[in-house]
Amino acid sequence: MNYYELVDIMDLKLYFKEKKALVDEALGGFLPESDELSAGVVKAMRYSLFAGGKRLRPILCIAGAEAVGGDAQSVLPVACAIEMIHTYSLIHDDLPVIDNDDLRRGKPTNHKVFGEAMALLAGDGLLTKAFHLMTHPDPENRVKPGVSLKVIGLIATAAGYEGMVGGQVVDIQSEGKEGDSSIVEFIHTHKTGALIVASVSSGAILGGAEKDQLKALTSYGKDIGLAFQVADDILNVEGSRQEMGKSVGSDARQGKITYPAVFGLERSKEIQKALVDRALETLKSFEERADPLRQIARYIIKRKT
């Protein structure tokens, strides 16, 4: 590793720390503890929401806004809503009816702590709270209603059957079957990539991106979204349970169609690098304020969790 790579990593750690603290504080305000009769489901929602995630998606939303001259405060409600949608999907993915996982981020999964029924409802609660958050009036009028509607539509599509849900369906239906490149790419670009693209694009829209800027940042999001899931596939083979905070080797045991299963490990790493290189090339016309996006792209290859 050379000096400049080290500087990038340190800068990114500082950026993540700062933005994660901002997101965590906002999430705490948007979903406080409750003493009402429904407090049990709020406790379950907060358990997974504050279980130690990296906040990659809301940070991408913030970075997307900043890359075009926007600011973090104006996108925080949407950034936090995206994190709630992501967390709901993890709770449901971990349920016995889907992946049947016992660990998530080094802690027992939601259904292991609260039971399957409460975990299901906690996921439902987070999804609906996310859309309530995005439709809540902006008291400072920083975002025009028409812009909000565009962003909400974008995120709804990414989270639904045309995006994340559709990818999950194909993932389930493909278990134990022989896969090919088109199937694994569909699964990854929908199940994981769609919400990552929406994170970057929604931030850019809220930040006032011009048409060419939005097109470039959407392309960037597509490439890093796929690269991120390819990295997950690789880590499921090569990673450790201690570093990842969840079981490894589960993809092979469940017969899931992954990039290593279809292409092999070395070719998967080459594909991942090519995606990151292309994402970085897409940002060539952006100034220094897009540096966090550049560093996040490089981080995808280096990450261990």
Foldseek 3Di string as FASTA:
>chain_A
DDPVLVVLVVVLVVLLVVVVVVLVVVLCVLLPQDPDPPNLLSVLLVCQLPVDDSLVLLSLLQLLLLLQPAHSVLCSLLSNLLSLLVSLVVLVCCDPVHLVWQWAQQHGRSCVPRNDVSSNVSSVVSNVSSVVSLPPDDPVPLADPVLSVVLSVLQCCLSDCVAQVVLSVLQRVCWPHDDEDVSQLRNQCGNFLSSQLSSSLSSNSSSPHDPLSSVLSSLLSSLLSSLLQLLVLLCLVVADCVQRRTHHPSCVVRRTDHCCSHPNNVVSLVSSVVSLVVSLVSCVPTDPSSSSSNSVSVVSSVDRD
